[in-house]
Amino acid sequence: GLAGGFWLCGAGGARGYLARRVSQGTPLEAGTGPDAGRRYLRTGDLGCLENSQLYVAGRLKDTLIVNGENVAAPDVEWLAGEAHAGLNALAAAAFEGDQPGSAVLLVDVRDRLSDIGNIEELQRRIAMHLRSEFGLDPVEV
């Protein structure tokens, strides 16, 4: 199915965080749905509905926009971990860079330096991996 954001409607929906009501611009931003008078709650989750099953694929906050393309940050982190056997995808963090349309990938290698060797070569390998898989360019590693 087509992935998108989750919006919920019903009596069990939260009206805000503890002691704070929902207001425009908060993560629990409420809006009026297609049915007049019904209020919907944006969860911040991303996923799809397929064969009557709801699949959660990630969080809206974890989406990078690089060169106009939406890319899930955990996918970038995981792919970086696969660029070298000495890397751990759980020790990576991807986020949008300072320049519009750019991304930054931080990878903690301090405990694996003996396995990795040349850091500059590793940076080039990860950047090439991200370019070929996601078309991400520029990526600062």
N, C-alpha and C. Protein backbone atom coordinates (compact mmCIF):
# COMPACT_ATOMS: atom_id res chain seq x y z
N GLY A 1 0.82 -1.20 0.00
CA GLY A 1 0.00 0.00 0.00
C GLY A 1 0.85 1.25 0.00
N LEU A 2 0.19 2.34 -0.19
CA LEU A 2 0.83 3.65 -0.19
C LEU A 2 1.08 4.10 1.24
N ALA A 3 2.30 4.51 1.56
CA ALA A 3 2.63 4.96 2.91
C ALA A 3 2.17 6.39 3.12
N GLY A 4 1.75 6.66 4.34
CA GLY A 4 1.31 8.00 4.70
C GLY A 4 1.27 8.16 6.21
N GLY A 5 0.77 9.31 6.65
CA GLY A 5 0.68 9.60 8.08
C GLY A 5 -0.61 9.07 8.67
N PHE A 6 -0.58 8.77 9.96
CA PHE A 6 -1.76 8.26 10.65
C PHE A 6 -2.52 9.41 11.31
N TRP A 7 -3.82 9.44 11.08
CA TRP A 7 -4.73 10.38 11.74
C TRP A 7 -5.81 9.53 12.38
N LEU A 8 -6.11 9.78 13.65
CA LEU A 8 -7.09 9.00 14.38
C LEU A 8 -8.31 9.84 14.72
N CYS A 9 -9.46 9.17 14.84
CA CYS A 9 -10.69 9.84 15.20
C CYS A 9 -11.47 8.93 16.15
N GLY A 10 -12.02 9.49 17.20
CA GLY A 10 -12.83 8.69 18.11
C GLY A 10 -12.81 9.25 19.51
N ALA A 11 -13.66 8.69 20.36
CA ALA A 11 -13.79 9.18 21.73
C ALA A 11 -12.53 8.94 22.55
N GLY A 12 -11.72 7.96 22.19
CA GLY A 12 -10.52 7.65 22.95
C GLY A 12 -9.31 8.48 22.58
N GLY A 13 -9.45 9.42 21.66
CA GLY A 13 -8.31 10.24 21.22
C GLY A 13 -7.85 11.21 22.28
N ALA A 14 -6.55 11.36 22.41
CA ALA A 14 -5.99 12.31 23.37
C ALA A 14 -6.31 13.73 22.96
N ARG A 15 -6.51 14.58 23.93
CA ARG A 15 -6.76 16.00 23.65
C ARG A 15 -5.48 16.83 23.85
N GLY A 16 -4.40 16.19 24.20
CA GLY A 16 -3.13 16.88 24.39
C GLY A 16 -2.25 16.12 25.35
N TYR A 17 -1.13 16.72 25.69
CA TYR A 17 -0.24 16.13 26.68
C TYR A 17 -0.77 16.45 28.08
N LEU A 18 -0.26 15.80 29.08
CA LEU A 18 -0.69 16.01 30.46
C LEU A 18 -0.69 17.50 30.80
N ALA A 19 -1.83 18.00 31.22
CA ALA A 19 -2.02 19.40 31.64
C ALA A 19 -1.85 20.41 30.49
N ARG A 20 -1.79 19.94 29.24
CA ARG A 20 -1.68 20.86 28.10
C ARG A 20 -2.66 20.42 27.03
N ARG A 21 -3.48 21.33 26.58
CA ARG A 21 -4.44 21.02 25.53
C ARG A 21 -3.75 21.08 24.17
N VAL A 22 -4.35 20.45 23.18
CA VAL A 22 -3.82 20.48 21.82
C VAL A 22 -3.97 21.88 21.25
N SER A 23 -2.94 22.35 20.60
CA SER A 23 -3.00 23.62 19.87
C SER A 23 -2.31 23.42 18.53
N GLN A 24 -2.57 24.31 17.60
CA GLN A 24 -1.96 24.19 16.28
C GLN A 24 -0.44 24.19 16.42
N GLY A 25 0.21 23.31 15.66
CA GLY A 25 1.67 23.26 15.64
C GLY A 25 2.27 22.27 16.63
N THR A 26 1.47 21.68 17.49
CA THR A 26 2.00 20.68 18.42
C THR A 26 2.02 19.32 17.72
N PRO A 27 2.80 18.35 18.24
CA PRO A 27 2.82 17.03 17.61
C PRO A 27 1.44 16.37 17.56
N LEU A 28 0.54 16.72 18.47
CA LEU A 28 -0.80 16.15 18.49
C LEU A 28 -1.80 17.07 17.79
N GLU A 29 -1.35 17.81 16.82
CA GLU A 29 -2.18 18.79 16.12
C GLU A 29 -3.48 18.16 15.62
N ALA A 30 -4.59 18.73 16.04
CA ALA A 30 -5.90 18.22 15.63
C ALA A 30 -6.40 19.02 14.44
N GLY A 31 -7.22 18.41 13.64
CA GLY A 31 -7.78 19.10 12.50
C GLY A 31 -9.16 18.57 12.18
N THR A 32 -9.85 19.26 11.35
CA THR A 32 -11.18 18.81 10.94
C THR A 32 -11.03 17.90 9.74
N GLY A 33 -11.63 16.74 9.83
CA GLY A 33 -11.55 15.76 8.76
C GLY A 33 -12.57 16.02 7.68
N PRO A 34 -12.71 15.08 6.77
CA PRO A 34 -13.63 15.25 5.65
C PRO A 34 -15.10 15.28 6.10
N ASP A 35 -15.37 14.70 7.29
CA ASP A 35 -16.73 14.73 7.82
C ASP A 35 -16.87 15.93 8.74
N ALA A 36 -17.76 16.83 8.41
CA ALA A 36 -17.94 18.05 9.20
C ALA A 36 -18.20 17.71 10.66
N GLY A 37 -17.53 18.39 11.56
CA GLY A 37 -17.72 18.19 12.98
C GLY A 37 -16.84 17.13 13.60
N ARG A 38 -16.20 16.30 12.83
CA ARG A 38 -15.31 15.27 13.39
C ARG A 38 -13.91 15.84 13.51
N ARG A 39 -13.24 15.50 14.59
CA ARG A 39 -11.87 15.96 14.81
C ARG A 39 -10.92 14.78 14.69
N TYR A 40 -9.81 15.00 14.03
CA TYR A 40 -8.81 13.97 13.81
C TYR A 40 -7.53 14.36 14.53
N LEU A 41 -6.81 13.36 14.98
CA LEU A 41 -5.59 13.56 15.72
C LEU A 41 -4.41 12.98 14.93
N ARG A 42 -3.43 13.81 14.67
CA ARG A 42 -2.23 13.38 13.94
C ARG A 42 -1.27 12.72 14.92
N THR A 43 -0.92 11.45 14.68
CA THR A 43 -0.07 10.71 15.63
C THR A 43 1.42 10.94 15.42
N GLY A 44 1.83 11.31 14.21
CA GLY A 44 3.25 11.43 13.91
C GLY A 44 3.86 10.15 13.39
N ASP A 45 3.03 9.08 13.31
CA ASP A 45 3.50 7.80 12.79
C ASP A 45 3.31 7.73 11.28
N LEU A 46 4.16 6.96 10.61
CA LEU A 46 4.05 6.73 9.18
C LEU A 46 3.86 5.24 8.94
N GLY A 47 3.10 4.90 7.93
CA GLY A 47 2.91 3.50 7.60
C GLY A 47 1.88 3.35 6.51
N CYS A 48 1.31 2.16 6.41
CA CYS A 48 0.32 1.91 5.38
C CYS A 48 -0.72 0.90 5.87
N LEU A 49 -1.82 0.89 5.17
CA LEU A 49 -2.91 -0.04 5.43
C LEU A 49 -2.93 -1.00 4.25
N GLU A 50 -2.75 -2.30 4.56
CA GLU A 50 -2.74 -3.31 3.51
C GLU A 50 -3.47 -4.55 4.00
N ASN A 51 -4.44 -4.99 3.21
CA ASN A 51 -5.26 -6.16 3.58
C ASN A 51 -5.84 -6.01 4.99
N SER A 52 -6.38 -4.84 5.28
CA SER A 52 -7.00 -4.51 6.57
C SER A 52 -6.03 -4.54 7.74
N GLN A 53 -4.74 -4.54 7.48
CA GLN A 53 -3.72 -4.51 8.53
C GLN A 53 -2.99 -3.17 8.46
N LEU A 54 -2.79 -2.56 9.62
CA LEU A 54 -2.07 -1.30 9.70
C LEU A 54 -0.61 -1.60 10.04
N TYR A 55 0.29 -1.16 9.18
CA TYR A 55 1.73 -1.39 9.37
C TYR A 55 2.41 -0.07 9.67
N VAL A 56 3.14 -0.01 10.78
CA VAL A 56 3.88 1.18 11.15
C VAL A 56 5.27 1.07 10.55
N ALA A 57 5.67 2.10 9.80
CA ALA A 57 6.97 2.07 9.13
C ALA A 57 7.97 3.04 9.75
N GLY A 58 7.51 3.95 10.60
CA GLY A 58 8.43 4.90 11.20
C GLY A 58 7.70 6.11 11.74
N ARG A 59 8.45 7.16 11.98
CA ARG A 59 7.90 8.40 12.53
C ARG A 59 8.13 9.53 11.54
N LEU A 60 7.20 10.47 11.49
CA LEU A 60 7.30 11.63 10.61
C LEU A 60 8.57 12.42 10.91
N LYS A 61 8.93 12.53 12.20
CA LYS A 61 10.13 13.27 12.59
C LYS A 61 11.41 12.63 12.03
N ASP A 62 11.34 11.35 11.68
CA ASP A 62 12.51 10.63 11.18
C ASP A 62 12.63 10.69 9.66
N THR A 63 11.87 11.57 9.01
CA THR A 63 11.91 11.69 7.56
C THR A 63 12.84 12.81 7.16
N LEU A 64 13.81 12.49 6.30
CA LEU A 64 14.72 13.50 5.74
C LEU A 64 14.20 13.91 4.38
N ILE A 65 14.33 15.17 4.04
CA ILE A 65 14.01 15.64 2.70
C ILE A 65 15.34 16.06 2.07
N VAL A 66 15.81 15.23 1.14
CA VAL A 66 17.09 15.48 0.49
C VAL A 66 16.85 15.59 -1.00
N ASN A 67 17.21 16.74 -1.55
CA ASN A 67 16.99 17.03 -2.97
C ASN A 67 15.53 16.76 -3.38
N GLY A 68 14.61 17.15 -2.49
CA GLY A 68 13.19 17.01 -2.79
C GLY A 68 12.62 15.62 -2.59
N GLU A 69 13.43 14.67 -2.15
CA GLU A 69 12.98 13.29 -1.94
C GLU A 69 12.84 13.00 -0.45
N ASN A 70 11.78 12.29 -0.07
CA ASN A 70 11.61 11.86 1.31
C ASN A 70 12.36 10.55 1.53
N VAL A 71 13.19 10.53 2.55
CA VAL A 71 13.97 9.34 2.88
C VAL A 71 13.88 9.12 4.39
N ALA A 72 13.63 7.89 4.81
CA ALA A 72 13.55 7.57 6.23
C ALA A 72 14.96 7.54 6.82
N ALA A 73 15.19 8.33 7.86
CA ALA A 73 16.50 8.37 8.51
C ALA A 73 16.96 6.99 8.97
N PRO A 74 16.09 6.15 9.56
CA PRO A 74 16.57 4.81 9.96
C PRO A 74 17.06 3.97 8.78
N ASP A 75 16.49 4.18 7.58
CA ASP A 75 16.98 3.45 6.40
C ASP A 75 18.39 3.88 6.05
N VAL A 76 18.66 5.18 6.15
CA VAL A 76 20.00 5.70 5.87
C VAL A 76 20.99 5.15 6.89
N GLU A 77 20.59 5.15 8.16
CA GLU A 77 21.46 4.64 9.22
C GLU A 77 21.77 3.16 9.03
N TRP A 78 20.75 2.39 8.68
CA TRP A 78 20.93 0.96 8.47
C TRP A 78 21.86 0.70 7.28
N LEU A 79 21.64 1.42 6.19
CA LEU A 79 22.47 1.23 5.01
C LEU A 79 23.92 1.59 5.29
N ALA A 80 24.13 2.64 6.09
CA ALA A 80 25.50 3.02 6.46
C ALA A 80 26.16 1.89 7.23
N GLY A 81 25.41 1.22 8.09
CA GLY A 81 25.95 0.10 8.85
C GLY A 81 26.34 -1.07 7.97
N GLU A 82 25.70 -1.18 6.80
CA GLU A 82 26.04 -2.26 5.88
C GLU A 82 27.22 -1.93 4.97
N ALA A 83 27.69 -0.69 5.01
CA ALA A 83 28.78 -0.28 4.12
C ALA A 83 30.12 -0.91 4.51
N HIS A 84 30.22 -1.37 5.74
CA HIS A 84 31.46 -1.98 6.20
C HIS A 84 31.13 -2.96 7.32
N ALA A 85 31.77 -4.12 7.30
CA ALA A 85 31.48 -5.16 8.29
C ALA A 85 31.80 -4.71 9.71
N GLY A 86 32.68 -3.72 9.87
CA GLY A 86 33.06 -3.25 11.19
C GLY A 86 32.13 -2.22 11.78
N LEU A 87 31.07 -1.85 11.04
CA LEU A 87 30.16 -0.81 11.52
C LEU A 87 28.93 -1.41 12.18
N ASN A 88 28.32 -0.61 13.03
CA ASN A 88 27.09 -0.98 13.71
C ASN A 88 26.04 0.08 13.35
N ALA A 89 24.96 -0.34 12.69
CA ALA A 89 23.93 0.60 12.27
C ALA A 89 23.28 1.29 13.46
N LEU A 90 23.32 0.67 14.63
CA LEU A 90 22.72 1.28 15.81
C LEU A 90 23.56 2.43 16.34
N ALA A 91 24.78 2.57 15.85
CA ALA A 91 25.67 3.65 16.27
C ALA A 91 25.71 4.74 15.22
N ALA A 92 24.62 4.90 14.45
CA ALA A 92 24.56 5.92 13.40
C ALA A 92 23.34 6.81 13.62
N ALA A 93 23.45 8.06 13.20
CA ALA A 93 22.32 9.00 13.29
C ALA A 93 22.31 9.85 12.03
N ALA A 94 21.18 9.88 11.34
CA ALA A 94 21.03 10.68 10.12
C ALA A 94 20.05 11.81 10.39
N PHE A 95 20.35 13.00 9.87
CA PHE A 95 19.46 14.15 10.02
C PHE A 95 19.73 15.14 8.91
N GLU A 96 18.82 16.11 8.76
CA GLU A 96 18.98 17.11 7.71
C GLU A 96 20.15 18.02 8.03
N GLY A 97 20.87 18.41 6.99
CA GLY A 97 22.02 19.28 7.16
C GLY A 97 21.64 20.75 7.23
N ASP A 98 22.65 21.61 7.37
CA ASP A 98 22.42 23.05 7.46
C ASP A 98 21.90 23.62 6.15
N GLN A 99 22.36 23.08 5.04
CA GLN A 99 21.93 23.57 3.73
C GLN A 99 20.64 22.87 3.33
N PRO A 100 19.68 23.58 2.76
CA PRO A 100 18.43 22.93 2.32
C PRO A 100 18.74 21.79 1.35
N GLY A 101 18.10 20.65 1.57
CA GLY A 101 18.27 19.51 0.68
C GLY A 101 19.49 18.66 0.96
N SER A 102 20.21 18.95 2.05
CA SER A 102 21.40 18.16 2.36
C SER A 102 21.13 17.28 3.58
N ALA A 103 21.97 16.28 3.77
CA ALA A 103 21.84 15.38 4.91
C ALA A 103 23.20 15.17 5.55
N VAL A 104 23.17 14.85 6.84
CA VAL A 104 24.37 14.55 7.60
C VAL A 104 24.19 13.18 8.21
N LEU A 105 25.23 12.38 8.18
CA LEU A 105 25.21 11.06 8.80
C LEU A 105 26.39 10.98 9.77
N LEU A 106 26.08 10.76 11.04
CA LEU A 106 27.11 10.57 12.05
C LEU A 106 27.20 9.07 12.34
N VAL A 107 28.42 8.55 12.36
CA VAL A 107 28.63 7.14 12.67
C VAL A 107 29.71 7.05 13.74
N ASP A 108 29.36 6.43 14.86
CA ASP A 108 30.31 6.26 15.96
C ASP A 108 31.19 5.05 15.66
N VAL A 109 32.49 5.31 15.45
CA VAL A 109 33.43 4.23 15.10
C VAL A 109 34.52 4.07 16.15
N ARG A 110 34.44 4.79 17.25
CA ARG A 110 35.57 4.80 18.20
C ARG A 110 35.94 3.43 18.73
N ASP A 111 34.97 2.52 18.89
CA ASP A 111 35.28 1.18 19.40
C ASP A 111 35.66 0.21 18.29
N ARG A 112 35.65 0.69 17.03
CA ARG A 112 35.89 -0.21 15.91
C ARG A 112 37.02 0.27 14.99
N LEU A 113 37.81 1.20 15.46
CA LEU A 113 38.86 1.78 14.61
C LEU A 113 39.83 0.72 14.09
N SER A 114 40.15 -0.27 14.89
CA SER A 114 41.09 -1.30 14.43
C SER A 114 40.49 -2.13 13.31
N ASP A 115 39.16 -2.31 13.29
CA ASP A 115 38.49 -3.06 12.22
C ASP A 115 38.33 -2.23 10.96
N ILE A 116 38.20 -0.93 11.12
CA ILE A 116 37.82 -0.06 10.01
C ILE A 116 39.02 0.42 9.20
N GLY A 117 40.06 0.85 9.88
CA GLY A 117 41.24 1.32 9.16
C GLY A 117 41.13 2.78 8.75
N ASN A 118 41.10 3.04 7.45
CA ASN A 118 41.13 4.39 6.90
C ASN A 118 39.75 5.06 6.98
N ILE A 119 39.65 6.08 7.82
CA ILE A 119 38.37 6.78 8.03
C ILE A 119 37.90 7.48 6.76
N GLU A 120 38.82 8.13 6.04
CA GLU A 120 38.42 8.85 4.81
C GLU A 120 37.86 7.89 3.77
N GLU A 121 38.48 6.70 3.66
CA GLU A 121 37.97 5.70 2.72
C GLU A 121 36.59 5.21 3.15
N LEU A 122 36.39 5.06 4.45
CA LEU A 122 35.08 4.66 4.97
C LEU A 122 34.03 5.72 4.65
N GLN A 123 34.37 6.99 4.83
CA GLN A 123 33.44 8.08 4.51
C GLN A 123 33.05 8.02 3.03
N ARG A 124 34.02 7.84 2.16
CA ARG A 124 33.74 7.76 0.72
C ARG A 124 32.84 6.56 0.41
N ARG A 125 33.14 5.42 1.04
CA ARG A 125 32.37 4.20 0.79
C ARG A 125 30.90 4.38 1.23
N ILE A 126 30.69 4.97 2.41
CA ILE A 126 29.33 5.19 2.89
C ILE A 126 28.60 6.17 1.99
N ALA A 127 29.24 7.28 1.62
CA ALA A 127 28.61 8.27 0.75
C ALA A 127 28.24 7.65 -0.60
N MET A 128 29.12 6.83 -1.17
CA MET A 128 28.84 6.16 -2.44
C MET A 128 27.66 5.20 -2.28
N HIS A 129 27.62 4.48 -1.18
CA HIS A 129 26.54 3.54 -0.87
C HIS A 129 25.20 4.29 -0.82
N LEU A 130 25.17 5.43 -0.14
CA LEU A 130 23.94 6.21 0.00
C LEU A 130 23.51 6.83 -1.33
N ARG A 131 24.50 7.26 -2.13
CA ARG A 131 24.18 7.81 -3.46
C ARG A 131 23.56 6.75 -4.35
N SER A 132 24.14 5.55 -4.35
CA SER A 132 23.64 4.51 -5.26
C SER A 132 22.30 3.96 -4.80
N GLU A 133 22.05 3.86 -3.50
CA GLU A 133 20.81 3.28 -3.00
C GLU A 133 19.67 4.28 -2.97
N PHE A 134 19.94 5.49 -2.48
CA PHE A 134 18.88 6.48 -2.28
C PHE A 134 19.00 7.70 -3.18
N GLY A 135 20.10 7.84 -3.89
CA GLY A 135 20.31 9.05 -4.68
C GLY A 135 20.63 10.24 -3.80
N LEU A 136 21.07 9.98 -2.57
CA LEU A 136 21.36 11.05 -1.64
C LEU A 136 22.68 11.70 -1.98
N ASP A 137 22.62 12.95 -2.32
CA ASP A 137 23.82 13.72 -2.62
C ASP A 137 23.44 15.19 -2.53
N PRO A 138 24.01 15.99 -1.73
CA PRO A 138 25.19 15.70 -0.92
C PRO A 138 24.82 15.08 0.43
N VAL A 139 25.70 14.23 0.91
CA VAL A 139 25.62 13.68 2.26
C VAL A 139 26.97 13.90 2.91
N GLU A 140 26.95 14.51 4.07
CA GLU A 140 28.18 14.70 4.82
C GLU A 140 28.27 13.54 5.81
N VAL A 141 29.34 12.77 5.73
CA VAL A 141 29.53 11.61 6.61
C VAL A 141 30.60 11.96 7.63
